[in-house]
PDB file of N, CA and C in Angstrom:
ATOM      1  N   MET A   1      -5.064 -11.456 -12.876  1.00  0.00           N
ATOM      2  CA  MET A   1      -6.404 -11.203 -12.668  1.00  0.00           C
ATOM      3  C   MET A   1      -6.521 -10.564 -10.964  1.00  0.00           C
ATOM      4  N   ALA A   2      -7.652 -10.395 -10.795  1.00  0.00           N
ATOM      5  CA  ALA A   2      -8.173  -9.738  -9.880  1.00  0.00           C
ATOM      6  C   ALA A   2      -8.683 -10.720  -8.707  1.00  0.00           C
ATOM      7  N   ASP A   3      -8.187  -9.880  -7.172  1.00  0.00           N
ATOM      8  CA  ASP A   3      -8.722 -10.563  -6.313  1.00  0.00           C
ATOM      9  C   ASP A   3      -9.535 -10.574  -6.303  1.00  0.00           C
ATOM     10  N   GLU A   4     -10.240 -11.917  -5.398  1.00  0.00           N
ATOM     11  CA  GLU A   4     -11.889 -12.368  -5.241  1.00  0.00           C
ATOM     12  C   GLU A   4     -12.004 -11.370  -4.685  1.00  0.00           C
ATOM     13  N   GLY A   5     -13.554 -11.214  -5.101  1.00  0.00           N
ATOM     14  CA  GLY A   5     -14.374 -10.014  -4.413  1.00  0.00           C
ATOM     15  C   GLY A   5     -14.360  -8.658  -5.402  1.00  0.00           C
ATOM     16  N   TRP A   6     -13.659  -8.908  -6.653  1.00  0.00           N
ATOM     17  CA  TRP A   6     -13.442  -7.611  -7.480  1.00  0.00           C
ATOM     18  C   TRP A   6     -14.143  -8.074  -8.730  1.00  0.00           C
ATOM     19  N   GLN A   7     -14.919  -7.395  -9.612  1.00  0.00           N
ATOM     20  CA  GLN A   7     -15.129  -7.852 -10.676  1.00  0.00           C
ATOM     21  C   GLN A   7     -14.614  -6.585 -11.638  1.00  0.00           C
ATOM     22  N   GLU A   8     -14.046  -7.001 -12.782  1.00  0.00           N
ATOM     23  CA  GLU A   8     -13.805  -6.510 -14.038  1.00  0.00           C
ATOM     24  C   GLU A   8     -14.631  -5.591 -14.864  1.00  0.00           C
ATOM     25  N   ILE A   9     -14.614  -4.141 -14.414  1.00  0.00           N
ATOM     26  CA  ILE A   9     -15.591  -3.689 -15.410  1.00  0.00           C
ATOM     27  C   ILE A   9     -15.287  -2.816 -16.754  1.00  0.00           C
ATOM     28  N   GLY A  10     -13.771  -2.544 -16.860  1.00  0.00           N
ATOM     29  CA  GLY A  10     -13.660  -1.643 -17.767  1.00  0.00           C
ATOM     30  C   GLY A  10     -11.711  -2.060 -17.741  1.00  0.00           C
ATOM     31  N   LYS A  11     -11.377  -0.951 -18.818  1.00  0.00           N
ATOM     32  CA  LYS A  11     -10.111  -0.730 -18.814  1.00  0.00           C
ATOM     33  C   LYS A  11      -9.546   1.011 -19.464  1.00  0.00           C
ATOM     34  N   ILE A  12      -8.447   1.212 -18.959  1.00  0.00           N
ATOM     35  CA  ILE A  12      -7.998   2.665 -19.404  1.00  0.00           C
ATOM     36  C   ILE A  12      -7.738   2.923 -20.739  1.00  0.00           C
ATOM     37  N   THR A  13      -8.398   4.035 -21.709  1.00  0.00           N
ATOM     38  CA  THR A  13      -8.010   4.292 -22.959  1.00  0.00           C
ATOM     39  C   THR A  13      -7.085   4.983 -22.513  1.00  0.00           C
ATOM     40  N   ASP A  14      -7.610   6.311 -21.664  1.00  0.00           N
ATOM     41  CA  ASP A  14      -5.880   7.328 -21.751  1.00  0.00           C
ATOM     42  C   ASP A  14      -5.640   7.764 -20.381  1.00  0.00           C
ATOM     43  N   TYR A  15      -5.087   8.305 -20.704  1.00  0.00           N
ATOM     44  CA  TYR A  15      -4.300   9.096 -18.966  1.00  0.00           C
ATOM     45  C   TYR A  15      -3.836  10.302 -19.264  1.00  0.00           C
ATOM     46  N   PHE A  16      -4.517  11.246 -18.574  1.00  0.00           N
ATOM     47  CA  PHE A  16      -4.511  12.859 -18.712  1.00  0.00           C
ATOM     48  C   PHE A  16      -3.443  13.233 -17.316  1.00  0.00           C
ATOM     49  N   SER A  17      -2.516  13.056 -17.418  1.00  0.00           N
ATOM     50  CA  SER A  17      -1.151  13.350 -16.218  1.00  0.00           C
ATOM     51  C   SER A  17      -1.348  15.019 -15.839  1.00  0.00           C
ATOM     52  N   LYS A  18      -1.444  15.960 -16.610  1.00  0.00           N
ATOM     53  CA  LYS A  18      -1.769  16.839 -15.747  1.00  0.00           C
ATOM     54  C   LYS A  18      -2.939  17.840 -15.160  1.00  0.00           C
ATOM     55  N   VAL A  19      -3.902  16.749 -15.543  1.00  0.00           N
ATOM     56  CA  VAL A  19      -4.613  17.238 -14.672  1.00  0.00           C
ATOM     57  C   VAL A  19      -5.693  15.914 -13.533  1.00  0.00           C
ATOM     58  N   GLY A  20      -5.202  14.631 -13.822  1.00  0.00           N
ATOM     59  CA  GLY A  20      -4.680  13.467 -12.731  1.00  0.00           C
ATOM     60  C   GLY A  20      -6.039  12.520 -12.900  1.00  0.00           C
ATOM     61  N   ALA A  21      -6.511  12.365 -14.432  1.00  0.00           N
ATOM     62  CA  ALA A  21      -7.503  11.987 -14.326  1.00  0.00           C
ATOM     63  C   ALA A  21      -7.348  10.816 -15.752  1.00  0.00           C
ATOM     64  N   VAL A  22      -8.091  10.255 -15.873  1.00  0.00           N
ATOM     65  CA  VAL A  22      -8.567   8.728 -16.917  1.00  0.00           C
ATOM     66  C   VAL A  22      -9.742   9.076 -17.283  1.00  0.00           C
ATOM     67  N   ALA A  23      -9.446   8.331 -18.902  1.00  0.00           N
ATOM     68  CA  ALA A  23     -10.784   8.040 -19.648  1.00  0.00           C
ATOM     69  C   ALA A  23     -10.662   5.880 -19.095  1.00  0.00           C
ATOM     70  N   ILE A  24     -12.098   5.882 -19.277  1.00  0.00           N
ATOM     71  CA  ILE A  24     -12.472   4.535 -19.061  1.00  0.00           C
ATOM     72  C   ILE A  24     -13.336   3.743 -19.857  1.00  0.00           C
ATOM     73  N   GLU A  25     -13.491   3.364 -20.623  1.00  0.00           N
ATOM     74  CA  GLU A  25     -14.244   1.996 -21.280  1.00  0.00           C
ATOM     75  C   GLU A  25     -15.357   1.109 -20.865  1.00  0.00           C
ATOM     76  N   LEU A  26     -16.020   1.539 -19.930  1.00  0.00           N
ATOM     77  CA  LEU A  26     -16.813   0.141 -19.189  1.00  0.00           C
ATOM     78  C   LEU A  26     -17.237  -0.495 -20.480  1.00  0.00           C
ATOM     79  N   THR A  27     -16.689  -2.024 -20.119  1.00  0.00           N
ATOM     80  CA  THR A  27     -17.175  -2.860 -20.831  1.00  0.00           C
ATOM     81  C   THR A  27     -17.847  -4.295 -19.873  1.00  0.00           C
ATOM     82  N   GLY A  28     -17.657  -4.158 -18.537  1.00  0.00           N
ATOM     83  CA  GLY A  28     -18.223  -5.626 -17.985  1.00  0.00           C
ATOM     84  C   GLY A  28     -18.469  -4.741 -17.063  1.00  0.00           C
ATOM     85  N   GLY A  29     -19.163  -3.675 -16.554  1.00  0.00           N
ATOM     86  CA  GLY A  29     -19.931  -3.325 -15.470  1.00  0.00           C
ATOM     87  C   GLY A  29     -20.219  -2.060 -15.168  1.00  0.00           C
ATOM     88  N   ALA A  30     -21.721  -1.785 -14.660  1.00  0.00           N
ATOM     89  CA  ALA A  30     -21.637  -0.342 -14.115  1.00  0.00           C
ATOM     90  C   ALA A  30     -20.373   0.228 -13.212  1.00  0.00           C
ATOM     91  N   LEU A  31     -20.519   1.663 -13.401  1.00  0.00           N
ATOM     92  CA  LEU A  31     -20.153   2.594 -12.235  1.00  0.00           C
ATOM     93  C   LEU A  31     -20.489   3.758 -11.752  1.00  0.00           C
ATOM     94  N   LYS A  32     -20.499   3.797 -10.147  1.00  0.00           N
ATOM     95  CA  LYS A  32     -21.633   5.240  -9.846  1.00  0.00           C
ATOM     96  C   LYS A  32     -20.479   5.412  -8.563  1.00  0.00           C
ATOM     97  N   VAL A  33     -20.855   6.866  -8.804  1.00  0.00           N
ATOM     98  CA  VAL A  33     -19.906   7.425  -7.617  1.00  0.00           C
ATOM     99  C   VAL A  33     -20.533   7.071  -6.224  1.00  0.00           C
ATOM    100  N   GLY A  34     -19.405   6.673  -5.462  1.00  0.00           N
ATOM    101  CA  GLY A  34     -18.804   6.145  -3.894  1.00  0.00           C
ATOM    102  C   GLY A  34     -18.480   5.031  -4.180  1.00  0.00           C
ATOM    103  N   ASP A  35     -18.695   3.827  -5.591  1.00  0.00           N
ATOM    104  CA  ASP A  35     -17.813   2.882  -5.824  1.00  0.00           C
ATOM    105  C   ASP A  35     -16.051   2.560  -5.313  1.00  0.00           C
ATOM    106  N   THR A  36     -15.431   1.582  -4.705  1.00  0.00           N
ATOM    107  CA  THR A  36     -14.621   1.649  -4.916  1.00  0.00           C
ATOM    108  C   THR A  36     -13.742   0.731  -5.605  1.00  0.00           C
ATOM    109  N   VAL A  37     -12.903   1.307  -6.283  1.00  0.00           N
ATOM    110  CA  VAL A  37     -12.734   0.465  -7.490  1.00  0.00           C
ATOM    111  C   VAL A  37     -10.664   0.014  -7.433  1.00  0.00           C
ATOM    112  N   LYS A  38     -10.353  -1.081  -8.088  1.00  0.00           N
ATOM    113  CA  LYS A  38      -9.182  -1.159  -8.520  1.00  0.00           C
ATOM    114  C   LYS A  38      -8.477  -0.712  -9.801  1.00  0.00           C
ATOM    115  N   PHE A  39      -7.561  -0.132  -9.416  1.00  0.00           N
ATOM    116  CA  PHE A  39      -6.629  -0.691 -10.713  1.00  0.00           C
ATOM    117  C   PHE A  39      -5.221  -0.722 -11.340  1.00  0.00           C
ATOM    118  N   LYS A  40      -5.296  -1.933 -12.171  1.00  0.00           N
ATOM    119  CA  LYS A  40      -4.481  -2.811 -11.856  1.00  0.00           C
ATOM    120  C   LYS A  40      -3.663  -3.125 -13.352  1.00  0.00           C
ATOM    121  N   GLY A  41      -2.236  -3.019 -13.536  1.00  0.00           N
ATOM    122  CA  GLY A  41      -1.762  -3.195 -14.434  1.00  0.00           C
ATOM    123  C   GLY A  41      -0.381  -3.974 -14.149  1.00  0.00           C
ATOM    124  N   HIS A  42       1.019  -3.648 -15.072  1.00  0.00           N
ATOM    125  CA  HIS A  42       2.186  -3.631 -15.168  1.00  0.00           C
ATOM    126  C   HIS A  42       2.428  -3.210 -13.503  1.00  0.00           C
ATOM    127  N   THR A  43       2.587  -2.107 -13.889  1.00  0.00           N
ATOM    128  CA  THR A  43       3.285  -1.447 -12.866  1.00  0.00           C
ATOM    129  C   THR A  43       2.348  -0.238 -12.058  1.00  0.00           C
ATOM    130  N   THR A  44       0.553  -0.636 -12.046  1.00  0.00           N
ATOM    131  CA  THR A  44       0.252   0.050 -11.953  1.00  0.00           C
ATOM    132  C   THR A  44      -0.938  -1.228 -10.124  1.00  0.00           C
ATOM    133  N   ASN A  45      -1.023  -0.755  -9.422  1.00  0.00           N
ATOM    134  CA  ASN A  45      -1.710  -1.345  -8.553  1.00  0.00           C
ATOM    135  C   ASN A  45      -2.426  -0.716  -7.367  1.00  0.00           C
ATOM    136  N   PHE A  46      -4.188  -0.037  -7.201  1.00  0.00           N
ATOM    137  CA  PHE A  46      -4.596   0.744  -6.268  1.00  0.00           C
ATOM    138  C   PHE A  46      -5.891   0.710  -6.269  1.00  0.00           C
ATOM    139  N   GLU A  47      -5.881   0.905  -5.026  1.00  0.00           N
ATOM    140  CA  GLU A  47      -7.916   1.221  -4.582  1.00  0.00           C
ATOM    141  C   GLU A  47      -7.865   2.990  -4.407  1.00  0.00           C
ATOM    142  N   GLN A  48      -9.047   3.373  -4.859  1.00  0.00           N
ATOM    143  CA  GLN A  48      -9.665   4.307  -4.778  1.00  0.00           C
ATOM    144  C   GLN A  48     -10.982   4.609  -5.044  1.00  0.00           C
ATOM    145  N   VAL A  49     -11.642   5.114  -4.081  1.00  0.00           N
ATOM    146  CA  VAL A  49     -12.996   5.535  -4.379  1.00  0.00           C
ATOM    147  C   VAL A  49     -13.792   6.900  -4.975  1.00  0.00           C
ATOM    148  N   ILE A  50     -14.856   6.474  -6.004  1.00  0.00           N
ATOM    149  CA  ILE A  50     -14.704   7.166  -6.833  1.00  0.00           C
ATOM    150  C   ILE A  50     -15.735   8.405  -6.292  1.00  0.00           C
ATOM    151  N   THR A  51     -15.467   9.718  -6.720  1.00  0.00           N
ATOM    152  CA  THR A  51     -16.019  11.013  -6.180  1.00  0.00           C
ATOM    153  C   THR A  51     -16.526  11.706  -7.424  1.00  0.00           C
ATOM    154  N   SER A  52     -16.321  11.447  -8.381  1.00  0.00           N
ATOM    155  CA  SER A  52     -17.040  12.217  -9.162  1.00  0.00           C
ATOM    156  C   SER A  52     -16.982  11.788 -10.442  1.00  0.00           C
ATOM    157  N   ILE A  53     -17.878  11.111 -11.672  1.00  0.00           N
ATOM    158  CA  ILE A  53     -17.816  10.827 -13.397  1.00  0.00           C
ATOM    159  C   ILE A  53     -18.162  11.616 -14.148  1.00  0.00           C
ATOM    160  N   GLN A  54     -17.861  11.814 -15.298  1.00  0.00           N
ATOM    161  CA  GLN A  54     -17.894  12.665 -16.241  1.00  0.00           C
ATOM    162  C   GLN A  54     -18.123  11.714 -17.336  1.00  0.00           C
ATOM    163  N   ILE A  55     -18.923  12.156 -18.262  1.00  0.00           N
ATOM    164  CA  ILE A  55     -19.556  11.356 -19.718  1.00  0.00           C
ATOM    165  C   ILE A  55     -19.613  12.663 -20.464  1.00  0.00           C
ATOM    166  N   ASP A  56     -18.736  12.896 -21.276  1.00  0.00           N
ATOM    167  CA  ASP A  56     -18.806  13.946 -22.288  1.00  0.00           C
ATOM    168  C   ASP A  56     -18.603  15.298 -21.634  1.00  0.00           C
ATOM    169  N   ASN A  57     -17.966  15.631 -20.558  1.00  0.00           N
ATOM    170  CA  ASN A  57     -17.854  16.562 -19.885  1.00  0.00           C
ATOM    171  C   ASN A  57     -18.715  16.878 -19.424  1.00  0.00           C
ATOM    172  N   ASN A  58     -20.054  16.021 -18.751  1.00  0.00           N
ATOM    173  CA  ASN A  58     -21.091  16.401 -17.667  1.00  0.00           C
ATOM    174  C   ASN A  58     -20.547  15.562 -16.582  1.00  0.00           C
ATOM    175  N   SER A  59     -21.247  16.249 -15.743  1.00  0.00           N
ATOM    176  CA  SER A  59     -20.952  15.082 -14.549  1.00  0.00           C
ATOM    177  C   SER A  59     -22.037  14.302 -14.354  1.00  0.00           C
ATOM    178  N   VAL A  60     -21.749  12.874 -14.283  1.00  0.00           N
ATOM    179  CA  VAL A  60     -23.357  12.537 -13.865  1.00  0.00           C
ATOM    180  C   VAL A  60     -22.997  11.105 -12.732  1.00  0.00           C
ATOM    181  N   GLN A  61     -23.966  10.697 -12.432  1.00  0.00           N
ATOM    182  CA  GLN A  61     -23.839   9.851 -10.781  1.00  0.00           C
ATOM    183  C   GLN A  61     -23.388   8.378 -11.090  1.00  0.00           C
ATOM    184  N   GLU A  62     -23.812   7.912 -12.482  1.00  0.00           N
ATOM    185  CA  GLU A  62     -23.547   6.647 -13.288  1.00  0.00           C
ATOM    186  C   GLU A  62     -23.472   6.382 -14.337  1.00  0.00           C
ATOM    187  N   ALA A  63     -22.470   5.215 -14.508  1.00  0.00           N
ATOM    188  CA  ALA A  63     -22.698   5.020 -16.012  1.00  0.00           C
ATOM    189  C   ALA A  63     -22.661   3.526 -16.129  1.00  0.00           C
ATOM    190  N   SER A  64     -23.198   3.187 -17.247  1.00  0.00           N
ATOM    191  CA  SER A  64     -23.473   1.729 -17.630  1.00  0.00           C
ATOM    192  C   SER A  64     -22.621   1.287 -18.947  1.00  0.00           C
ATOM    193  N   ILE A  65     -22.659  -0.213 -18.955  1.00  0.00           N
ATOM    194  CA  ILE A  65     -21.561  -0.858 -19.605  1.00  0.00           C
ATOM    195  C   ILE A  65     -21.590  -0.116 -20.973  1.00  0.00           C
ATOM    196  N   GLY A  66     -20.537   0.030 -21.744  1.00  0.00           N
ATOM    197  CA  GLY A  66     -20.376   0.932 -23.006  1.00  0.00           C
ATOM    198  C   GLY A  66     -19.819   1.734 -23.083  1.00  0.00           C
ATOM    199  N   ASP A  67     -20.377   3.068 -21.741  1.00  0.00           N
ATOM    200  CA  ASP A  67     -19.880   4.281 -21.829  1.00  0.00           C
ATOM    201  C   ASP A  67     -18.593   4.243 -21.433  1.00  0.00           C
ATOM    202  N   SER A  68     -17.934   5.622 -22.359  1.00  0.00           N
ATOM    203  CA  SER A  68     -16.842   6.351 -22.213  1.00  0.00           C
ATOM    204  C   SER A  68     -16.937   7.143 -21.244  1.00  0.00           C
ATOM    205  N   VAL A  69     -15.979   6.855 -19.583  1.00  0.00           N
ATOM    206  CA  VAL A  69     -16.310   7.843 -18.385  1.00  0.00           C
ATOM    207  C   VAL A  69     -14.742   8.243 -18.110  1.00  0.00           C
ATOM    208  N   GLY A  70     -14.929   9.612 -17.792  1.00  0.00           N
ATOM    209  CA  GLY A  70     -13.840  10.505 -16.982  1.00  0.00           C
ATOM    210  C   GLY A  70     -13.888  10.693 -16.032  1.00  0.00           C
ATOM    211  N   ILE A  71     -12.545  10.382 -14.698  1.00  0.00           N
ATOM    212  CA  ILE A  71     -12.696  10.414 -13.473  1.00  0.00           C
ATOM    213  C   ILE A  71     -11.311  10.732 -13.743  1.00  0.00           C
ATOM    214  N   LYS A  72     -11.517  11.415 -11.852  1.00  0.00           N
ATOM    215  CA  LYS A  72     -10.608  11.932 -11.114  1.00  0.00           C
ATOM    216  C   LYS A  72      -9.454  10.779 -10.483  1.00  0.00           C
ATOM    217  N   ILE A  73      -8.083  10.723 -10.796  1.00  0.00           N
ATOM    218  CA  ILE A  73      -7.889   9.461 -10.417  1.00  0.00           C
ATOM    219  C   ILE A  73      -6.560   9.798  -9.034  1.00  0.00           C
ATOM    220  N   ASP A  74      -5.936   8.996  -8.170  1.00  0.00           N
ATOM    221  CA  ASP A  74      -5.084   9.679  -6.849  1.00  0.00           C
ATOM    222  C   ASP A  74      -3.044   9.104  -7.869  1.00  0.00           C
ATOM    223  N   GLU A  75      -3.301   8.123  -8.208  1.00  0.00           N
ATOM    224  CA  GLU A  75      -2.100   7.817  -8.531  1.00  0.00           C
ATOM    225  C   GLU A  75      -1.662   7.641 -10.129  1.00  0.00           C
ATOM    226  N   ARG A  76      -0.673   7.514 -10.361  1.00  0.00           N
ATOM    227  CA  ARG A  76      -0.459   7.448 -12.156  1.00  0.00           C
ATOM    228  C   ARG A  76      -1.294   5.972 -12.540  1.00  0.00           C
ATOM    229  N   VAL A  77      -1.391   5.850 -13.521  1.00  0.00           N
ATOM    230  CA  VAL A  77      -1.720   4.624 -14.572  1.00  0.00           C
ATOM    231  C   VAL A  77      -1.631   4.927 -15.736  1.00  0.00           C
ATOM    232  N   ARG A  78      -1.601   3.863 -16.462  1.00  0.00           N
ATOM    233  CA  ARG A  78      -1.420   2.948 -17.820  1.00  0.00           C
ATOM    234  C   ARG A  78      -2.570   2.962 -18.401  1.00  0.00           C
ATOM    235  N   LYS A  79      -2.334   3.466 -20.283  1.00  0.00           N
ATOM    236  CA  LYS A  79      -2.956   3.029 -21.159  1.00  0.00           C
ATOM    237  C   LYS A  79      -3.269   1.636 -21.030  1.00  0.00           C
ATOM    238  N   HIS A  80      -4.353   0.945 -21.109  1.00  0.00           N
ATOM    239  CA  HIS A  80      -4.696  -0.286 -21.035  1.00  0.00           C
ATOM    240  C   HIS A  80      -4.856  -1.248 -19.681  1.00  0.00           C
ATOM    241  N   ASP A  81      -4.767  -0.725 -18.922  1.00  0.00           N
ATOM    242  CA  ASP A  81      -4.813  -0.943 -17.059  1.00  0.00           C
ATOM    243  C   ASP A  81      -5.919  -1.361 -17.053  1.00  0.00           C
ATOM    244  N   LEU A  82      -6.251  -1.940 -16.070  1.00  0.00           N
ATOM    245  CA  LEU A  82      -7.502  -2.920 -15.952  1.00  0.00           C
ATOM    246  C   LEU A  82      -8.019  -2.297 -14.968  1.00  0.00           C
ATOM    247  N   VAL A  83      -9.249  -2.706 -15.137  1.00  0.00           N
ATOM    248  CA  VAL A  83     -10.427  -1.522 -13.462  1.00  0.00           C
ATOM    249  C   VAL A  83     -11.258  -2.321 -12.961  1.00  0.00           C
ATOM    250  N   TYR A  84     -11.245  -2.714 -11.433  1.00  0.00           N
ATOM    251  CA  TYR A  84     -12.367  -3.477 -11.250  1.00  0.00           C
ATOM    252  C   TYR A  84     -13.070  -2.736 -10.182  1.00  0.00           C
ATOM    253  N   LYS A  85     -14.259  -3.109  -9.970  1.00  0.00           N
ATOM    254  CA  LYS A  85     -14.940  -3.023  -8.722  1.00  0.00           C
ATOM    255  C   LYS A  85     -15.432  -3.894  -7.851  1.00  0.00           C
ATOM    256  N   ARG A  86     -15.089  -3.260  -6.680  1.00  0.00           N
ATOM    257  CA  ARG A  86     -15.617  -4.354  -5.467  1.00  0.00           C
ATOM    258  C   ARG A  86     -17.029  -4.834  -5.614  1.00  0.00           C
ATOM    259  N   ARG A  87     -17.547  -6.220  -5.065  1.00  0.00           N
ATOM    260  CA  ARG A  87     -18.457  -6.574  -5.385  1.00  0.00           C
ATOM    261  C   ARG A  87     -19.334  -6.335  -4.636  1.00  0.00           C
TER     262      ARG A  87
END
């Protein structure tokens, strides 16, 4: 479970280690450039500020529930890790 002050917004559906990016299915909240997110899983637990978002290889400033997005990340994650956004 996430710490208080965090809202679950989605989960990792794919991880691309060569480019340091992930695919996230947004199921519980919107995401925009500048948001602070937390990645949490069995061996994953770190925070990061979102600097770019892509949908279908197009850069966007924000994404909504139901979107599948790609973002660059600083650390390794695993498929099915959860993604939280600071409230």
